[in-house]
Every structure is written in C-alpha cells, then in structure tokens.
Amino acid sequence: MFKKRSNEILEKLEGRETIRVSKGANFFGQESLKLRQVRGNGVLVLTPDELYFEMWLPKRICQIPISSIIDIEITKWHLKKSKNRDLLKVIFTNFSGETDSAAWLVREPELWISDLRNQISRRK
C-alpha cells in the first residue's frame, strides 16, 4: 500500500527536476501547528524550487519554497518528539510571514543539508 501511495505522490511531481527523494521520510511536524499533530511517514522531495512533503496517511502536504528557507540544521528533538537519531530540521518563513520549522527523520540528513544549501545559494 505504501509503495503505491509513494508512487502516486511522485507522479504528481512528474516532469519536475528532483534533486533528492526520500520515499520513507518520517515527519515530526510543523512548529506553527503545535503539538497535536500526528507524526507520520511519507515522501520528501527536494526540487530546485521547493521542499515538498506528502504524508501517506492521513494525506497531508507540507510545501516549503526554497526562497523562504532561513536555516537548516540537525537536531535530535522536534516538538518534544525524538527517535534519538539525527533529524533534518528546516527553519523557514511560512505563508503567514512568521518564522516556522519542520523536521524529518531521513537517511543521510547531512546530504539533504548539503543539497538544500546548494539550492539556497543558487537562488541568491
């Protein structure tokens, strides 16, 4: 089921350049949406224009334009949740103009950071 759902999500991005993809990213939530969020798995995709995440279930989308990213870091905790492993944390300006953050458990978070920094520097 999750393989099918991952393929459905990736089909939405067909024709767009993808720099990095994680089909099993574990989302730890978006800070502005507080603690009541459900942590869940889904597909995280980096394109030249945005960081796109879509959760398998419930269907939830988090889109972060590259131009709105303020910083990227590695952390062990996000919204009082941890798996005692390194998380990719992205700090950005949300659609309301406020500073916000989101975090994911992904393989090789250092490579995600490197690729994100490259995309940010290309936009300047």
PDB file of N, CA and C in Angstrom:
ATOM      1  N   MET A   1       0.814  -1.199   0.000  1.00  0.00           N
ATOM      2  CA  MET A   1       0.000   0.000   0.000  1.00  0.00           C
ATOM      3  C   MET A   1       0.862   1.269   0.000  1.00  0.00           C
ATOM      4  N   PHE A   2       1.925   1.283   0.835  1.00  0.00           N
ATOM      5  CA  PHE A   2       2.737   2.488   0.926  1.00  0.00           C
ATOM      6  C   PHE A   2       3.581   2.693  -0.327  1.00  0.00           C
ATOM      7  N   LYS A   3       3.974   1.601  -0.979  1.00  0.00           N
ATOM      8  CA  LYS A   3       4.701   1.726  -2.237  1.00  0.00           C
ATOM      9  C   LYS A   3       3.800   2.377  -3.277  1.00  0.00           C
ATOM     10  N   LYS A   4       2.540   1.931  -3.326  1.00  0.00           N
ATOM     11  CA  LYS A   4       1.575   2.512  -4.261  1.00  0.00           C
ATOM     12  C   LYS A   4       1.358   3.991  -3.947  1.00  0.00           C
ATOM     13  N   ARG A   5       1.204   4.306  -2.677  1.00  0.00           N
ATOM     14  CA  ARG A   5       0.984   5.700  -2.261  1.00  0.00           C
ATOM     15  C   ARG A   5       2.208   6.562  -2.598  1.00  0.00           C
ATOM     16  N   SER A   6       3.417   6.027  -2.376  1.00  0.00           N
ATOM     17  CA  SER A   6       4.636   6.759  -2.724  1.00  0.00           C
ATOM     18  C   SER A   6       4.671   7.057  -4.214  1.00  0.00           C
ATOM     19  N   ASN A   7       4.320   6.071  -5.022  1.00  0.00           N
ATOM     20  CA  ASN A   7       4.304   6.268  -6.474  1.00  0.00           C
ATOM     21  C   ASN A   7       3.272   7.312  -6.889  1.00  0.00           C
ATOM     22  N   GLU A   8       2.105   7.324  -6.230  1.00  0.00           N
ATOM     23  CA  GLU A   8       1.082   8.338  -6.512  1.00  0.00           C
ATOM     24  C   GLU A   8       1.618   9.739  -6.229  1.00  0.00           C
ATOM     25  N   ILE A   9       2.318   9.875  -5.121  1.00  0.00           N
ATOM     26  CA  ILE A   9       2.877  11.178  -4.740  1.00  0.00           C
ATOM     27  C   ILE A   9       3.926  11.607  -5.762  1.00  0.00           C
ATOM     28  N   LEU A  10       4.815  10.701  -6.131  1.00  0.00           N
ATOM     29  CA  LEU A  10       5.870  11.043  -7.085  1.00  0.00           C
ATOM     30  C   LEU A  10       5.309  11.361  -8.465  1.00  0.00           C
ATOM     31  N   GLU A  11       4.191  10.755  -8.834  1.00  0.00           N
ATOM     32  CA  GLU A  11       3.547  11.051 -10.118  1.00  0.00           C
ATOM     33  C   GLU A  11       3.108  12.516 -10.190  1.00  0.00           C
ATOM     34  N   LYS A  12       2.719  13.083  -9.045  1.00  0.00           N
ATOM     35  CA  LYS A  12       2.325  14.498  -9.012  1.00  0.00           C
ATOM     36  C   LYS A  12       3.477  15.411  -9.417  1.00  0.00           C
ATOM     37  N   LEU A  13       4.708  14.951  -9.162  1.00  0.00           N
ATOM     38  CA  LEU A  13       5.885  15.771  -9.433  1.00  0.00           C
ATOM     39  C   LEU A  13       6.559  15.405 -10.753  1.00  0.00           C
ATOM     40  N   GLU A  14       5.900  14.536 -11.527  1.00  0.00           N
ATOM     41  CA  GLU A  14       6.456  14.105 -12.804  1.00  0.00           C
ATOM     42  C   GLU A  14       6.723  15.306 -13.696  1.00  0.00           C
ATOM     43  N   GLY A  15       7.873  15.292 -14.354  1.00  0.00           N
ATOM     44  CA  GLY A  15       8.239  16.392 -15.225  1.00  0.00           C
ATOM     45  C   GLY A  15       9.024  17.485 -14.525  1.00  0.00           C
ATOM     46  N   ARG A  16       9.057  17.440 -13.199  1.00  0.00           N
ATOM     47  CA  ARG A  16       9.838  18.431 -12.440  1.00  0.00           C
ATOM     48  C   ARG A  16      11.187  17.825 -12.086  1.00  0.00           C
ATOM     49  N   GLU A  17      12.204  18.651 -12.089  1.00  0.00           N
ATOM     50  CA  GLU A  17      13.535  18.188 -11.698  1.00  0.00           C
ATOM     51  C   GLU A  17      13.534  17.857 -10.208  1.00  0.00           C
ATOM     52  N   THR A  18      14.053  16.693  -9.861  1.00  0.00           N
ATOM     53  CA  THR A  18      14.189  16.328  -8.452  1.00  0.00           C
ATOM     54  C   THR A  18      15.669  16.167  -8.137  1.00  0.00           C
ATOM     55  N   ILE A  19      16.050  16.719  -7.014  1.00  0.00           N
ATOM     56  CA  ILE A  19      17.445  16.683  -6.584  1.00  0.00           C
ATOM     57  C   ILE A  19      17.667  15.554  -5.594  1.00  0.00           C
ATOM     58  N   ARG A  20      16.702  15.350  -4.703  1.00  0.00           N
ATOM     59  CA  ARG A  20      16.809  14.295  -3.693  1.00  0.00           C
ATOM     60  C   ARG A  20      15.400  13.847  -3.322  1.00  0.00           C
ATOM     61  N   VAL A  21      15.250  12.542  -3.087  1.00  0.00           N
ATOM     62  CA  VAL A  21      13.949  11.966  -2.736  1.00  0.00           C
ATOM     63  C   VAL A  21      14.131  10.977  -1.592  1.00  0.00           C
ATOM     64  N   SER A  22      13.225  11.029  -0.631  1.00  0.00           N
ATOM     65  CA  SER A  22      13.137  10.017   0.418  1.00  0.00           C
ATOM     66  C   SER A  22      11.701   9.500   0.420  1.00  0.00           C
ATOM     67  N   LYS A  23      11.537   8.224   0.062  1.00  0.00           N
ATOM     68  CA  LYS A  23      10.191   7.641  -0.008  1.00  0.00           C
ATOM     69  C   LYS A  23       9.664   7.225   1.362  1.00  0.00           C
ATOM     70  N   GLY A  24      10.497   7.267   2.381  1.00  0.00           N
ATOM     71  CA  GLY A  24      10.062   6.856   3.714  1.00  0.00           C
ATOM     72  C   GLY A  24      10.454   7.848   4.790  1.00  0.00           C
ATOM     73  N   ALA A  25      10.350   9.139   4.478  1.00  0.00           N
ATOM     74  CA  ALA A  25      10.691  10.176   5.457  1.00  0.00           C
ATOM     75  C   ALA A  25       9.659  10.173   6.581  1.00  0.00           C
ATOM     76  N   ASN A  26      10.137  10.315   7.808  1.00  0.00           N
ATOM     77  CA  ASN A  26       9.257  10.354   8.981  1.00  0.00           C
ATOM     78  C   ASN A  26       9.113  11.811   9.422  1.00  0.00           C
ATOM     79  N   PHE A  27       7.914  12.358   9.246  1.00  0.00           N
ATOM     80  CA  PHE A  27       7.633  13.762   9.538  1.00  0.00           C
ATOM     81  C   PHE A  27       7.382  13.951  11.028  1.00  0.00           C
ATOM     82  N   PHE A  28       8.078  14.916  11.615  1.00  0.00           N
ATOM     83  CA  PHE A  28       7.941  15.213  13.039  1.00  0.00           C
ATOM     84  C   PHE A  28       7.069  16.442  13.287  1.00  0.00           C
ATOM     85  N   GLY A  29       6.493  17.000  12.247  1.00  0.00           N
ATOM     86  CA  GLY A  29       5.555  18.098  12.416  1.00  0.00           C
ATOM     87  C   GLY A  29       6.097  19.455  12.042  1.00  0.00           C
ATOM     88  N   GLN A  30       5.155  20.405  11.993  1.00  0.00           N
ATOM     89  CA  GLN A  30       5.449  21.798  11.697  1.00  0.00           C
ATOM     90  C   GLN A  30       5.194  22.598  12.972  1.00  0.00           C
ATOM     91  N   GLU A  31       6.177  23.361  13.375  1.00  0.00           N
ATOM     92  CA  GLU A  31       6.134  24.053  14.663  1.00  0.00           C
ATOM     93  C   GLU A  31       4.880  24.914  14.842  1.00  0.00           C
ATOM     94  N   SER A  32       4.469  25.640  13.814  1.00  0.00           N
ATOM     95  CA  SER A  32       3.310  26.535  13.947  1.00  0.00           C
ATOM     96  C   SER A  32       2.008  25.786  14.172  1.00  0.00           C
ATOM     97  N   LEU A  33       1.983  24.506  13.852  1.00  0.00           N
ATOM     98  CA  LEU A  33       0.765  23.720  14.045  1.00  0.00           C
ATOM     99  C   LEU A  33       0.718  23.032  15.409  1.00  0.00           C
ATOM    100  N   LYS A  34       1.711  23.335  16.228  1.00  0.00           N
ATOM    101  CA  LYS A  34       1.781  22.906  17.636  1.00  0.00           C
ATOM    102  C   LYS A  34       1.935  21.393  17.823  1.00  0.00           C
ATOM    103  N   LEU A  35       1.644  20.933  19.045  1.00  0.00           N
ATOM    104  CA  LEU A  35       1.939  19.562  19.458  1.00  0.00           C
ATOM    105  C   LEU A  35       0.890  18.526  19.069  1.00  0.00           C
ATOM    106  N   ARG A  36      -0.254  18.925  18.611  1.00  0.00           N
ATOM    107  CA  ARG A  36      -1.345  17.982  18.361  1.00  0.00           C
ATOM    108  C   ARG A  36      -1.224  17.228  17.040  1.00  0.00           C
ATOM    109  N   GLN A  37      -0.164  17.465  16.306  1.00  0.00           N
ATOM    110  CA  GLN A  37      -0.001  16.819  15.005  1.00  0.00           C
ATOM    111  C   GLN A  37       0.356  15.353  15.143  1.00  0.00           C
ATOM    112  N   VAL A  38      -0.035  14.609  14.156  1.00  0.00           N
ATOM    113  CA  VAL A  38       0.337  13.205  14.093  1.00  0.00           C
ATOM    114  C   VAL A  38       1.661  13.109  13.345  1.00  0.00           C
ATOM    115  N   ARG A  39       2.602  12.404  13.934  1.00  0.00           N
ATOM    116  CA  ARG A  39       3.853  12.135  13.231  1.00  0.00           C
ATOM    117  C   ARG A  39       3.572  11.030  12.232  1.00  0.00           C
ATOM    118  N   GLY A  40       4.119  11.145  11.026  1.00  0.00           N
ATOM    119  CA  GLY A  40       3.836  10.121  10.036  1.00  0.00           C
ATOM    120  C   GLY A  40       4.860  10.047   8.931  1.00  0.00           C
ATOM    121  N   ASN A  41       4.825   8.946   8.205  1.00  0.00           N
ATOM    122  CA  ASN A  41       5.748   8.721   7.102  1.00  0.00           C
ATOM    123  C   ASN A  41       5.153   9.204   5.793  1.00  0.00           C
ATOM    124  N   GLY A  42       6.053   9.484   4.854  1.00  0.00           N
ATOM    125  CA  GLY A  42       5.623   9.916   3.538  1.00  0.00           C
ATOM    126  C   GLY A  42       6.812  10.120   2.634  1.00  0.00           C
ATOM    127  N   VAL A  43       6.616  10.913   1.606  1.00  0.00           N
ATOM    128  CA  VAL A  43       7.637  11.165   0.599  1.00  0.00           C
ATOM    129  C   VAL A  43       8.113  12.609   0.723  1.00  0.00           C
ATOM    130  N   LEU A  44       9.430  12.775   0.869  1.00  0.00           N
ATOM    131  CA  LEU A  44      10.064  14.094   0.926  1.00  0.00           C
ATOM    132  C   LEU A  44      10.872  14.267  -0.350  1.00  0.00           C
ATOM    133  N   VAL A  45      10.630  15.380  -1.050  1.00  0.00           N
ATOM    134  CA  VAL A  45      11.285  15.624  -2.334  1.00  0.00           C
ATOM    135  C   VAL A  45      11.872  17.028  -2.335  1.00  0.00           C
ATOM    136  N   LEU A  46      13.128  17.120  -2.746  1.00  0.00           N
ATOM    137  CA  LEU A  46      13.773  18.416  -2.952  1.00  0.00           C
ATOM    138  C   LEU A  46      13.824  18.684  -4.443  1.00  0.00           C
ATOM    139  N   THR A  47      13.249  19.816  -4.845  1.00  0.00           N
ATOM    140  CA  THR A  47      13.326  20.280  -6.230  1.00  0.00           C
ATOM    141  C   THR A  47      14.117  21.597  -6.209  1.00  0.00           C
ATOM    142  N   PRO A  48      14.457  22.150  -7.362  1.00  0.00           N
ATOM    143  CA  PRO A  48      15.158  23.441  -7.349  1.00  0.00           C
ATOM    144  C   PRO A  48      14.345  24.566  -6.709  1.00  0.00           C
ATOM    145  N   ASP A  49      13.012  24.407  -6.663  1.00  0.00           N
ATOM    146  CA  ASP A  49      12.146  25.477  -6.163  1.00  0.00           C
ATOM    147  C   ASP A  49      11.584  25.275  -4.771  1.00  0.00           C
ATOM    148  N   GLU A  50      11.471  24.001  -4.331  1.00  0.00           N
ATOM    149  CA  GLU A  50      10.813  23.769  -3.053  1.00  0.00           C
ATOM    150  C   GLU A  50      11.219  22.440  -2.414  1.00  0.00           C
ATOM    151  N   LEU A  51      10.932  22.367  -1.128  1.00  0.00           N
ATOM    152  CA  LEU A  51      10.997  21.122  -0.381  1.00  0.00           C
ATOM    153  C   LEU A  51       9.541  20.695  -0.221  1.00  0.00           C
ATOM    154  N   TYR A  52       9.213  19.537  -0.777  1.00  0.00           N
ATOM    155  CA  TYR A  52       7.823  19.078  -0.831  1.00  0.00           C
ATOM    156  C   TYR A  52       7.713  17.786  -0.041  1.00  0.00           C
ATOM    157  N   PHE A  53       6.742  17.745   0.884  1.00  0.00           N
ATOM    158  CA  PHE A  53       6.489  16.524   1.649  1.00  0.00           C
ATOM    159  C   PHE A  53       5.003  16.218   1.582  1.00  0.00           C
ATOM    160  N   GLU A  54       4.707  14.944   1.332  1.00  0.00           N
ATOM    161  CA  GLU A  54       3.325  14.489   1.400  1.00  0.00           C
ATOM    162  C   GLU A  54       3.282  13.211   2.230  1.00  0.00           C
ATOM    163  N   MET A  55       2.458  13.240   3.249  1.00  0.00           N
ATOM    164  CA  MET A  55       2.323  12.099   4.150  1.00  0.00           C
ATOM    165  C   MET A  55       1.450  11.031   3.489  1.00  0.00           C
ATOM    166  N   TRP A  56       1.779   9.765   3.769  1.00  0.00           N
ATOM    167  CA  TRP A  56       0.985   8.669   3.237  1.00  0.00           C
ATOM    168  C   TRP A  56      -0.429   8.718   3.799  1.00  0.00           C
ATOM    169  N   LEU A  57      -0.550   8.659   5.105  1.00  0.00           N
ATOM    170  CA  LEU A  57      -1.832   8.717   5.802  1.00  0.00           C
ATOM    171  C   LEU A  57      -1.662   9.441   7.127  1.00  0.00           C
ATOM    172  N   PRO A  58      -2.482  10.339   7.509  1.00  0.00           N
ATOM    173  CA  PRO A  58      -3.505  10.957   6.664  1.00  0.00           C
ATOM    174  C   PRO A  58      -2.835  11.779   5.567  1.00  0.00           C
ATOM    175  N   LYS A  59      -3.541  11.995   4.486  1.00  0.00           N
ATOM    176  CA  LYS A  59      -2.977  12.760   3.384  1.00  0.00           C
ATOM    177  C   LYS A  59      -2.772  14.193   3.849  1.00  0.00           C
ATOM    178  N   ARG A  60      -1.505  14.578   3.915  1.00  0.00           N
ATOM    179  CA  ARG A  60      -1.149  15.916   4.383  1.00  0.00           C
ATOM    180  C   ARG A  60       0.045  16.380   3.584  1.00  0.00           C
ATOM    181  N   ILE A  61       0.057  17.641   3.183  1.00  0.00           N
ATOM    182  CA  ILE A  61       1.135  18.190   2.370  1.00  0.00           C
ATOM    183  C   ILE A  61       1.803  19.337   3.115  1.00  0.00           C
ATOM    184  N   CYS A  62       3.129  19.374   3.044  1.00  0.00           N
ATOM    185  CA  CYS A  62       3.921  20.485   3.568  1.00  0.00           C
ATOM    186  C   CYS A  62       4.839  20.933   2.430  1.00  0.00           C
ATOM    187  N   GLN A  63       4.665  22.167   1.971  1.00  0.00           N
ATOM    188  CA  GLN A  63       5.484  22.711   0.899  1.00  0.00           C
ATOM    189  C   GLN A  63       6.254  23.904   1.431  1.00  0.00           C
ATOM    190  N   ILE A  64       7.563  23.883   1.233  1.00  0.00           N
ATOM    191  CA  ILE A  64       8.422  24.970   1.700  1.00  0.00           C
ATOM    192  C   ILE A  64       9.213  25.488   0.496  1.00  0.00           C
ATOM    193  N   PRO A  65       8.890  26.693   0.026  1.00  0.00           N
ATOM    194  CA  PRO A  65       9.673  27.251  -1.073  1.00  0.00           C
ATOM    195  C   PRO A  65      11.138  27.444  -0.647  1.00  0.00           C
ATOM    196  N   ILE A  66      12.056  27.143  -1.537  1.00  0.00           N
ATOM    197  CA  ILE A  66      13.489  27.310  -1.229  1.00  0.00           C
ATOM    198  C   ILE A  66      13.763  28.754  -0.816  1.00  0.00           C
ATOM    199  N   SER A  67      13.099  29.707  -1.461  1.00  0.00           N
ATOM    200  CA  SER A  67      13.320  31.127  -1.164  1.00  0.00           C
ATOM    201  C   SER A  67      12.894  31.518   0.249  1.00  0.00           C
ATOM    202  N   SER A  68      12.086  30.689   0.919  1.00  0.00           N
ATOM    203  CA  SER A  68      11.628  31.026   2.273  1.00  0.00           C
ATOM    204  C   SER A  68      12.468  30.357   3.363  1.00  0.00           C
ATOM    205  N   ILE A  69      13.436  29.532   2.979  1.00  0.00           N
ATOM    206  CA  ILE A  69      14.252  28.830   3.979  1.00  0.00           C
ATOM    207  C   ILE A  69      15.269  29.788   4.590  1.00  0.00           C
ATOM    208  N   ILE A  70      15.265  29.821   5.914  1.00  0.00           N
ATOM    209  CA  ILE A  70      16.169  30.680   6.683  1.00  0.00           C
ATOM    210  C   ILE A  70      17.414  29.910   7.086  1.00  0.00           C
ATOM    211  N   ASP A  71      17.231  28.672   7.535  1.00  0.00           N
ATOM    212  CA  ASP A  71      18.357  27.863   8.011  1.00  0.00           C
ATOM    213  C   ASP A  71      17.982  26.393   7.962  1.00  0.00           C
ATOM    214  N   ILE A  72      18.996  25.554   8.010  1.00  0.00           N
ATOM    215  CA  ILE A  72      18.826  24.103   8.041  1.00  0.00           C
ATOM    216  C   ILE A  72      19.785  23.591   9.100  1.00  0.00           C
ATOM    217  N   GLU A  73      19.328  22.631   9.893  1.00  0.00           N
ATOM    218  CA  GLU A  73      20.207  22.087  10.931  1.00  0.00           C
ATOM    219  C   GLU A  73      19.833  20.647  11.240  1.00  0.00           C
ATOM    220  N   ILE A  74      20.699  20.026  12.031  1.00  0.00           N
ATOM    221  CA  ILE A  74      20.433  18.677  12.527  1.00  0.00           C
ATOM    222  C   ILE A  74      20.077  18.820  14.001  1.00  0.00           C
ATOM    223  N   THR A  75      19.033  18.104  14.396  1.00  0.00           N
ATOM    224  CA  THR A  75      18.601  18.112  15.791  1.00  0.00           C
ATOM    225  C   THR A  75      18.186  16.700  16.175  1.00  0.00           C
ATOM    226  N   LYS A  76      18.060  16.464  17.452  1.00  0.00           N
ATOM    227  CA  LYS A  76      17.567  15.161  17.939  1.00  0.00           C
ATOM    228  C   LYS A  76      16.089  15.228  18.314  1.00  0.00           C
ATOM    229  N   TRP A  77      15.564  16.462  18.551  1.00  0.00           N
ATOM    230  CA  TRP A  77      14.198  16.657  19.035  1.00  0.00           C
ATOM    231  C   TRP A  77      13.479  17.678  18.170  1.00  0.00           C
ATOM    232  N   HIS A  78      12.182  17.465  18.001  1.00  0.00           N
ATOM    233  CA  HIS A  78      11.334  18.473  17.363  1.00  0.00           C
ATOM    234  C   HIS A  78       9.933  18.308  17.936  1.00  0.00           C
ATOM    235  N   LEU A  79       9.392  19.405  18.428  1.00  0.00           N
ATOM    236  CA  LEU A  79       8.055  19.407  19.047  1.00  0.00           C
ATOM    237  C   LEU A  79       7.927  18.325  20.122  1.00  0.00           C
ATOM    238  N   LYS A  80       8.945  18.219  20.953  1.00  0.00           N
ATOM    239  CA  LYS A  80       9.001  17.277  22.077  1.00  0.00           C
ATOM    240  C   LYS A  80       8.959  15.815  21.624  1.00  0.00           C
ATOM    241  N   LYS A  81       9.332  15.567  20.367  1.00  0.00           N
ATOM    242  CA  LYS A  81       9.367  14.203  19.837  1.00  0.00           C
ATOM    243  C   LYS A  81      10.795  13.876  19.428  1.00  0.00           C
ATOM    244  N   SER A  82      11.182  12.618  19.653  1.00  0.00           N
ATOM    245  CA  SER A  82      12.524  12.181  19.286  1.00  0.00           C
ATOM    246  C   SER A  82      12.523  10.693  18.984  1.00  0.00           C
ATOM    247  N   LYS A  83      13.458  10.299  18.148  1.00  0.00           N
ATOM    248  CA  LYS A  83      13.735   8.879  17.926  1.00  0.00           C
ATOM    249  C   LYS A  83      15.189   8.601  18.301  1.00  0.00           C
ATOM    250  N   ASN A  84      15.799   9.578  18.989  1.00  0.00           N
ATOM    251  CA  ASN A  84      17.190   9.508  19.405  1.00  0.00           C
ATOM    252  C   ASN A  84      18.131   9.315  18.208  1.00  0.00           C
ATOM    253  N   ARG A  85      17.733   9.900  17.084  1.00  0.00           N
ATOM    254  CA  ARG A  85      18.552   9.895  15.877  1.00  0.00           C
ATOM    255  C   ARG A  85      18.536  11.306  15.303  1.00  0.00           C
ATOM    256  N   ASP A  86      19.475  11.580  14.419  1.00  0.00           N
ATOM    257  CA  ASP A  86      19.545  12.901  13.799  1.00  0.00           C
ATOM    258  C   ASP A  86      18.333  13.163  12.913  1.00  0.00           C
ATOM    259  N   LEU A  87      17.752  14.350  13.092  1.00  0.00           N
ATOM    260  CA  LEU A  87      16.627  14.799  12.277  1.00  0.00           C
ATOM    261  C   LEU A  87      17.066  15.975  11.416  1.00  0.00           C
ATOM    262  N   LEU A  88      16.518  16.065  10.231  1.00  0.00           N
ATOM    263  CA  LEU A  88      16.705  17.213   9.366  1.00  0.00           C
ATOM    264  C   LEU A  88      15.672  18.251   9.780  1.00  0.00           C
ATOM    265  N   LYS A  89      16.144  19.415  10.213  1.00  0.00           N
ATOM    266  CA  LYS A  89      15.237  20.488  10.625  1.00  0.00           C
ATOM    267  C   LYS A  89      15.400  21.667   9.674  1.00  0.00           C
ATOM    268  N   VAL A  90      14.277  22.136   9.143  1.00  0.00           N
ATOM    269  CA  VAL A  90      14.278  23.260   8.216  1.00  0.00           C
ATOM    270  C   VAL A  90      13.533  24.416   8.873  1.00  0.00           C
ATOM    271  N   ILE A  91      14.217  25.549   8.981  1.00  0.00           N
ATOM    272  CA  ILE A  91      13.621  26.761   9.556  1.00  0.00           C
ATOM    273  C   ILE A  91      13.302  27.679   8.381  1.00  0.00           C
ATOM    274  N   PHE A  92      12.067  28.166   8.343  1.00  0.00           N
ATOM    275  CA  PHE A  92      11.623  28.917   7.181  1.00  0.00           C
ATOM    276  C   PHE A  92      10.580  29.968   7.571  1.00  0.00           C
ATOM    277  N   THR A  93      10.292  30.848   6.635  1.00  0.00           N
ATOM    278  CA  THR A  93       9.212  31.810   6.802  1.00  0.00           C
ATOM    279  C   THR A  93       7.975  31.194   6.174  1.00  0.00           C
ATOM    280  N   ASN A  94       6.912  31.029   6.982  1.00  0.00           N
ATOM    281  CA  ASN A  94       5.699  30.372   6.471  1.00  0.00           C
ATOM    282  C   ASN A  94       4.837  31.355   5.675  1.00  0.00           C
ATOM    283  N   PHE A  95       3.716  30.870   5.167  1.00  0.00           N
ATOM    284  CA  PHE A  95       2.849  31.689   4.316  1.00  0.00           C
ATOM    285  C   PHE A  95       2.215  32.856   5.074  1.00  0.00           C
ATOM    286  N   SER A  96       2.256  32.818   6.408  1.00  0.00           N
ATOM    287  CA  SER A  96       1.753  33.934   7.222  1.00  0.00           C
ATOM    288  C   SER A  96       2.841  34.960   7.518  1.00  0.00           C
ATOM    289  N   GLY A  97       4.062  34.708   7.022  1.00  0.00           N
ATOM    290  CA  GLY A  97       5.175  35.623   7.248  1.00  0.00           C
ATOM    291  C   GLY A  97       5.889  35.413   8.572  1.00  0.00           C
ATOM    292  N   GLU A  98       5.568  34.329   9.267  1.00  0.00           N
ATOM    293  CA  GLU A  98       6.177  34.039  10.566  1.00  0.00           C
ATOM    294  C   GLU A  98       7.281  32.999  10.416  1.00  0.00           C
ATOM    295  N   THR A  99       8.247  33.042  11.332  1.00  0.00           N
ATOM    296  CA  THR A  99       9.288  32.024  11.361  1.00  0.00           C
ATOM    297  C   THR A  99       8.682  30.716  11.847  1.00  0.00           C
ATOM    298  N   ASP A 100       8.979  29.657  11.159  1.00  0.00           N
ATOM    299  CA  ASP A 100       8.397  28.348  11.419  1.00  0.00           C
ATOM    300  C   ASP A 100       9.487  27.304  11.225  1.00  0.00           C
ATOM    301  N   SER A 101       9.198  26.061  11.557  1.00  0.00           N
ATOM    302  CA  SER A 101      10.159  24.984  11.299  1.00  0.00           C
ATOM    303  C   SER A 101       9.411  23.667  11.123  1.00  0.00           C
ATOM    304  N   ALA A 102      10.091  22.744  10.460  1.00  0.00           N
ATOM    305  CA  ALA A 102       9.574  21.394  10.271  1.00  0.00           C
ATOM    306  C   ALA A 102      10.781  20.468  10.330  1.00  0.00           C
ATOM    307  N   ALA A 103      10.538  19.207  10.713  1.00  0.00           N
ATOM    308  CA  ALA A 103      11.651  18.265  10.829  1.00  0.00           C
ATOM    309  C   ALA A 103      11.245  16.884  10.329  1.00  0.00           C
ATOM    310  N   TRP A 104      12.256  16.176   9.800  1.00  0.00           N
ATOM    311  CA  TRP A 104      12.055  14.826   9.266  1.00  0.00           C
ATOM    312  C   TRP A 104      13.204  13.930   9.685  1.00  0.00           C
ATOM    313  N   LEU A 105      12.880  12.677   9.893  1.00  0.00           N
ATOM    314  CA  LEU A 105      13.886  11.644  10.036  1.00  0.00           C
ATOM    315  C   LEU A 105      14.095  11.079   8.633  1.00  0.00           C
ATOM    316  N   VAL A 106      15.298  11.287   8.089  1.00  0.00           N
ATOM    317  CA  VAL A 106      15.645  10.808   6.756  1.00  0.00           C
ATOM    318  C   VAL A 106      17.018  10.145   6.819  1.00  0.00           C
ATOM    319  N   ARG A 107      17.281   9.282   5.872  1.00  0.00           N
ATOM    320  CA  ARG A 107      18.629   8.738   5.751  1.00  0.00           C
ATOM    321  C   ARG A 107      19.545   9.853   5.277  1.00  0.00           C
ATOM    322  N   GLU A 108      20.747   9.867   5.774  1.00  0.00           N
ATOM    323  CA  GLU A 108      21.790  10.811   5.365  1.00  0.00           C
ATOM    324  C   GLU A 108      21.343  12.273   5.433  1.00  0.00           C
ATOM    325  N   PRO A 109      20.941  12.736   6.607  1.00  0.00           N
ATOM    326  CA  PRO A 109      20.485  14.128   6.717  1.00  0.00           C
ATOM    327  C   PRO A 109      21.554  15.140   6.307  1.00  0.00           C
ATOM    328  N   GLU A 110      22.821  14.774   6.453  1.00  0.00           N
ATOM    329  CA  GLU A 110      23.901  15.686   6.057  1.00  0.00           C
ATOM    330  C   GLU A 110      23.858  15.959   4.554  1.00  0.00           C
ATOM    331  N   LEU A 111      23.521  14.934   3.764  1.00  0.00           N
ATOM    332  CA  LEU A 111      23.417  15.122   2.312  1.00  0.00           C
ATOM    333  C   LEU A 111      22.220  16.006   1.958  1.00  0.00           C
ATOM    334  N   TRP A 112      21.124  15.845   2.690  1.00  0.00           N
ATOM    335  CA  TRP A 112      19.969  16.723   2.486  1.00  0.00           C
ATOM    336  C   TRP A 112      20.368  18.177   2.772  1.00  0.00           C
ATOM    337  N   ILE A 113      21.102  18.388   3.856  1.00  0.00           N
ATOM    338  CA  ILE A 113      21.529  19.744   4.208  1.00  0.00           C
ATOM    339  C   ILE A 113      22.412  20.317   3.109  1.00  0.00           C
ATOM    340  N   SER A 114      23.356  19.540   2.645  1.00  0.00           N
ATOM    341  CA  SER A 114      24.244  19.993   1.576  1.00  0.00           C
ATOM    342  C   SER A 114      23.461  20.369   0.327  1.00  0.00           C
ATOM    343  N   ASP A 115      22.538  19.520  -0.089  1.00  0.00           N
ATOM    344  CA  ASP A 115      21.741  19.798  -1.286  1.00  0.00           C
ATOM    345  C   ASP A 115      20.835  21.013  -1.087  1.00  0.00           C
ATOM    346  N   LEU A 116      20.244  21.135   0.092  1.00  0.00           N
ATOM    347  CA  LEU A 116      19.403  22.300   0.380  1.00  0.00           C
ATOM    348  C   LEU A 116      20.228  23.585   0.338  1.00  0.00           C
ATOM    349  N   ARG A 117      21.410  23.566   0.956  1.00  0.00           N
ATOM    350  CA  ARG A 117      22.277  24.753   0.938  1.00  0.00           C
ATOM    351  C   ARG A 117      22.672  25.124  -0.497  1.00  0.00           C
ATOM    352  N   ASN A 118      22.940  24.122  -1.326  1.00  0.00           N
ATOM    353  CA  ASN A 118      23.262  24.394  -2.727  1.00  0.00           C
ATOM    354  C   ASN A 118      22.109  25.086  -3.439  1.00  0.00           C
ATOM    355  N   GLN A 119      20.899  24.626  -3.203  1.00  0.00           N
ATOM    356  CA  GLN A 119      19.729  25.244  -3.843  1.00  0.00           C
ATOM    357  C   GLN A 119      19.496  26.660  -3.330  1.00  0.00           C
ATOM    358  N   ILE A 120      19.705  26.882  -2.043  1.00  0.00           N
ATOM    359  CA  ILE A 120      19.554  28.209  -1.468  1.00  0.00           C
ATOM    360  C   ILE A 120      20.561  29.168  -2.082  1.00  0.00           C
ATOM    361  N   SER A 121      21.816  28.728  -2.196  1.00  0.00           N
ATOM    362  CA  SER A 121      22.859  29.609  -2.748  1.00  0.00           C
ATOM    363  C   SER A 121      22.605  29.925  -4.222  1.00  0.00           C
ATOM    364  N   ARG A 122      21.996  29.019  -4.948  1.00  0.00           N
ATOM    365  CA  ARG A 122      21.676  29.266  -6.371  1.00  0.00           C
ATOM    366  C   ARG A 122      20.564  30.304  -6.529  1.00  0.00           C
ATOM    367  N   ARG A 123      19.745  30.463  -5.525  1.00  0.00           N
ATOM    368  CA  ARG A 123      18.615  31.388  -5.603  1.00  0.00           C
ATOM    369  C   ARG A 123      19.018  32.810  -5.225  1.00  0.00           C
ATOM    370  N   LYS A 124      20.214  32.961  -4.669  1.00  0.00           N
ATOM    371  CA  LYS A 124      20.655  34.310  -4.227  1.00  0.00           C
ATOM    372  C   LYS A 124      21.276  35.071  -5.370  1.00  0.00           C
TER     373      LYS A 124
END
